[in-house]
N, C-alpha and C. Protein backbone atom coordinates (compact mmCIF):
# COMPACT_ATOMS: atom_id res chain seq x y z
N MET A 1 -10.85 -140.22 73.59
CA MET A 1 -10.36 -141.32 72.80
C MET A 1 -8.85 -141.37 72.94
N TYR A 2 -8.31 -142.55 73.04
CA TYR A 2 -6.88 -142.73 73.15
C TYR A 2 -6.35 -143.42 71.89
N ALA A 3 -5.22 -142.96 71.41
CA ALA A 3 -4.60 -143.60 70.26
C ALA A 3 -4.28 -145.04 70.64
N ALA A 4 -4.57 -145.96 69.74
CA ALA A 4 -4.39 -147.38 70.02
C ALA A 4 -2.98 -147.68 70.51
N GLY A 5 -2.91 -148.45 71.60
CA GLY A 5 -1.62 -148.88 72.13
C GLY A 5 -0.87 -147.81 72.90
N THR A 6 -1.51 -146.67 73.17
CA THR A 6 -0.83 -145.60 73.90
C THR A 6 -1.73 -145.06 74.99
N LYS A 7 -1.16 -144.21 75.82
CA LYS A 7 -1.94 -143.49 76.81
C LYS A 7 -2.09 -142.04 76.41
N LYS A 8 -1.74 -141.74 75.16
CA LYS A 8 -1.81 -140.37 74.65
C LYS A 8 -3.23 -140.09 74.17
N LYS A 9 -3.87 -139.09 74.77
CA LYS A 9 -5.22 -138.74 74.39
C LYS A 9 -5.20 -137.99 73.06
N GLN A 10 -6.10 -138.37 72.17
CA GLN A 10 -6.17 -137.72 70.87
C GLN A 10 -7.62 -137.69 70.42
N ASN A 11 -8.14 -136.49 70.12
CA ASN A 11 -9.52 -136.32 69.71
C ASN A 11 -9.66 -136.06 68.23
N MET A 12 -8.64 -135.54 67.59
CA MET A 12 -8.69 -135.26 66.16
C MET A 12 -7.96 -136.39 65.44
N PRO A 13 -8.23 -136.54 64.15
CA PRO A 13 -7.54 -137.60 63.43
C PRO A 13 -6.05 -137.33 63.22
N THR A 14 -5.58 -136.14 63.55
CA THR A 14 -4.17 -135.79 63.40
C THR A 14 -3.81 -134.75 64.45
N ASN A 15 -2.60 -134.23 64.41
CA ASN A 15 -2.22 -133.20 65.37
C ASN A 15 -2.19 -131.84 64.70
N VAL A 16 -1.79 -130.80 65.43
CA VAL A 16 -1.83 -129.44 64.89
C VAL A 16 -0.88 -129.25 63.70
N LEU A 17 0.09 -130.11 63.54
CA LEU A 17 0.99 -130.02 62.40
C LEU A 17 0.49 -130.86 61.23
N GLN A 18 -0.66 -131.49 61.42
CA GLN A 18 -1.26 -132.39 60.44
C GLN A 18 -0.34 -133.55 60.06
N ASN A 19 0.44 -134.00 61.05
CA ASN A 19 1.28 -135.19 60.86
C ASN A 19 0.40 -136.43 60.84
N LYS A 20 0.94 -137.51 60.30
CA LYS A 20 0.21 -138.77 60.34
C LYS A 20 0.03 -139.21 61.79
N SER A 21 -1.07 -139.88 62.04
CA SER A 21 -1.35 -140.41 63.37
C SER A 21 -1.86 -141.84 63.20
N ILE A 22 -2.14 -142.50 64.30
CA ILE A 22 -2.70 -143.83 64.23
C ILE A 22 -4.01 -143.81 63.45
N PHE A 23 -4.76 -142.71 63.55
CA PHE A 23 -6.05 -142.62 62.87
C PHE A 23 -5.89 -142.42 61.37
N THR A 24 -4.98 -141.53 60.95
CA THR A 24 -4.79 -141.34 59.51
C THR A 24 -4.18 -142.58 58.88
N LYS A 25 -3.27 -143.23 59.60
CA LYS A 25 -2.67 -144.47 59.08
C LYS A 25 -3.73 -145.55 58.92
N MET A 26 -4.62 -145.68 59.89
CA MET A 26 -5.68 -146.67 59.82
C MET A 26 -6.64 -146.37 58.67
N ALA A 27 -7.00 -145.10 58.49
CA ALA A 27 -7.89 -144.71 57.40
C ALA A 27 -7.26 -145.07 56.05
N GLU A 28 -5.97 -144.80 55.91
CA GLU A 28 -5.26 -145.13 54.66
C GLU A 28 -5.16 -146.65 54.48
N LYS A 29 -4.80 -147.36 55.55
CA LYS A 29 -4.61 -148.80 55.47
C LYS A 29 -5.89 -149.52 55.04
N TYR A 30 -7.03 -149.09 55.56
CA TYR A 30 -8.28 -149.77 55.28
C TYR A 30 -9.09 -149.12 54.16
N GLY A 31 -8.50 -148.17 53.45
CA GLY A 31 -9.14 -147.60 52.27
C GLY A 31 -10.33 -146.70 52.55
N ALA A 32 -10.31 -145.99 53.66
CA ALA A 32 -11.41 -145.08 53.96
C ALA A 32 -11.52 -144.01 52.87
N GLU A 33 -12.73 -143.67 52.53
CA GLU A 33 -12.97 -142.59 51.58
C GLU A 33 -13.16 -141.27 52.31
N GLN A 34 -13.66 -141.36 53.56
CA GLN A 34 -13.97 -140.15 54.30
C GLN A 34 -13.81 -140.40 55.79
N VAL A 35 -13.30 -139.40 56.50
CA VAL A 35 -13.22 -139.41 57.96
C VAL A 35 -14.02 -138.20 58.44
N ILE A 36 -14.99 -138.46 59.30
CA ILE A 36 -15.83 -137.39 59.83
C ILE A 36 -15.56 -137.31 61.33
N TYR A 37 -15.21 -136.14 61.80
CA TYR A 37 -14.94 -136.00 63.24
C TYR A 37 -15.52 -134.69 63.72
N GLY A 38 -15.74 -134.59 65.03
CA GLY A 38 -16.48 -133.44 65.52
C GLY A 38 -15.98 -132.81 66.79
N HIS A 39 -14.73 -132.97 67.13
CA HIS A 39 -14.24 -132.35 68.35
C HIS A 39 -12.82 -131.85 68.14
N CYS A 40 -12.60 -130.57 68.40
CA CYS A 40 -11.23 -130.06 68.21
C CYS A 40 -10.87 -128.99 69.23
N HIS A 41 -11.51 -129.00 70.40
CA HIS A 41 -11.17 -128.09 71.50
C HIS A 41 -11.38 -126.62 71.19
N GLY A 42 -12.45 -126.27 70.52
CA GLY A 42 -12.85 -124.89 70.35
C GLY A 42 -12.29 -124.18 69.14
N GLU A 43 -12.77 -122.95 68.96
CA GLU A 43 -12.47 -122.15 67.77
C GLU A 43 -10.99 -121.95 67.53
N ARG A 44 -10.20 -121.88 68.57
CA ARG A 44 -8.77 -121.65 68.37
C ARG A 44 -8.09 -122.84 67.66
N ARG A 45 -8.79 -123.98 67.56
CA ARG A 45 -8.23 -125.15 66.90
C ARG A 45 -8.81 -125.36 65.49
N PHE A 46 -9.77 -124.57 65.07
CA PHE A 46 -10.38 -124.78 63.76
C PHE A 46 -9.35 -124.69 62.63
N HIS A 47 -8.48 -123.70 62.71
CA HIS A 47 -7.53 -123.45 61.60
C HIS A 47 -6.50 -124.57 61.43
N ASP A 48 -6.20 -125.30 62.50
CA ASP A 48 -5.19 -126.35 62.35
C ASP A 48 -5.79 -127.76 62.37
N SER A 49 -7.10 -127.83 62.17
CA SER A 49 -7.77 -129.13 62.04
C SER A 49 -7.70 -129.57 60.59
N ILE A 50 -7.44 -130.85 60.39
CA ILE A 50 -7.33 -131.36 59.03
C ILE A 50 -8.72 -131.37 58.39
N ARG A 51 -8.80 -130.77 57.20
CA ARG A 51 -10.06 -130.71 56.45
C ARG A 51 -9.76 -130.83 54.97
N GLY A 52 -10.73 -131.28 54.22
CA GLY A 52 -10.53 -131.46 52.79
C GLY A 52 -9.83 -132.79 52.50
N LYS A 53 -9.32 -132.93 51.29
CA LYS A 53 -8.70 -134.20 50.89
C LYS A 53 -7.22 -134.22 51.24
N LYS A 54 -6.81 -135.35 51.78
CA LYS A 54 -5.39 -135.57 52.10
C LYS A 54 -5.15 -137.06 51.85
N HIS A 55 -4.21 -137.36 50.97
CA HIS A 55 -3.88 -138.74 50.61
C HIS A 55 -5.11 -139.49 50.10
N GLY A 56 -5.97 -138.77 49.38
CA GLY A 56 -7.16 -139.39 48.77
C GLY A 56 -8.33 -139.60 49.71
N ILE A 57 -8.23 -139.13 50.94
CA ILE A 57 -9.30 -139.29 51.93
C ILE A 57 -9.86 -137.91 52.26
N ARG A 58 -11.19 -137.80 52.24
CA ARG A 58 -11.82 -136.53 52.59
C ARG A 58 -12.03 -136.46 54.10
N TYR A 59 -11.51 -135.42 54.75
CA TYR A 59 -11.66 -135.20 56.18
C TYR A 59 -12.65 -134.07 56.40
N SER A 60 -13.65 -134.32 57.25
CA SER A 60 -14.69 -133.33 57.53
C SER A 60 -14.79 -133.09 59.02
N LEU A 61 -14.58 -131.85 59.42
CA LEU A 61 -14.78 -131.43 60.81
C LEU A 61 -16.22 -130.95 60.92
N VAL A 62 -17.04 -131.63 61.71
CA VAL A 62 -18.46 -131.33 61.77
C VAL A 62 -18.93 -130.89 63.15
N SER A 63 -18.04 -130.38 63.98
CA SER A 63 -18.46 -129.92 65.30
C SER A 63 -19.43 -128.75 65.14
N GLY A 64 -20.42 -128.71 66.01
CA GLY A 64 -21.44 -127.67 65.93
C GLY A 64 -20.86 -126.27 65.98
N ASP A 65 -19.92 -126.03 66.87
CA ASP A 65 -19.37 -124.68 66.97
C ASP A 65 -18.60 -124.30 65.72
N CYS A 66 -17.91 -125.23 65.09
CA CYS A 66 -17.18 -124.93 63.86
C CYS A 66 -18.13 -124.60 62.72
N LEU A 67 -19.25 -125.30 62.66
CA LEU A 67 -20.23 -125.08 61.59
C LEU A 67 -21.26 -124.02 61.97
N ARG A 68 -21.04 -123.35 63.09
CA ARG A 68 -21.98 -122.35 63.60
C ARG A 68 -23.39 -122.91 63.68
N TRP A 69 -23.45 -124.18 64.09
CA TRP A 69 -24.68 -124.90 64.36
C TRP A 69 -25.57 -125.07 63.12
N HIS A 70 -24.97 -125.02 61.93
CA HIS A 70 -25.71 -125.30 60.69
C HIS A 70 -25.31 -126.71 60.23
N PRO A 71 -26.29 -127.53 59.88
CA PRO A 71 -25.97 -128.89 59.45
C PRO A 71 -25.09 -128.88 58.21
N MET A 72 -24.28 -129.92 58.09
CA MET A 72 -23.43 -130.08 56.92
C MET A 72 -23.75 -131.43 56.30
N LYS A 73 -24.01 -131.46 55.00
CA LYS A 73 -24.30 -132.71 54.32
C LYS A 73 -22.99 -133.43 54.07
N VAL A 74 -22.90 -134.65 54.54
CA VAL A 74 -21.72 -135.48 54.31
C VAL A 74 -22.17 -136.78 53.68
N LEU A 75 -21.80 -136.97 52.46
CA LEU A 75 -22.17 -138.20 51.74
C LEU A 75 -20.93 -138.91 51.28
């Protein structure tokens, strides 16, 4: 996936510093309650992936390897 209007590839809704991105700005602009994403380039990226509530939006990382292949209920 490429960030809108750029050639910069981005798979997570934010970067390792959890800065705002085109995705977090769009979620905030359109009033998203939850962002669910599932790719973060392996276990070494789990710790710096945005999770939980940030600016009133719940972020859920649901990649199989992160969840150790156990389903996660997201409502």
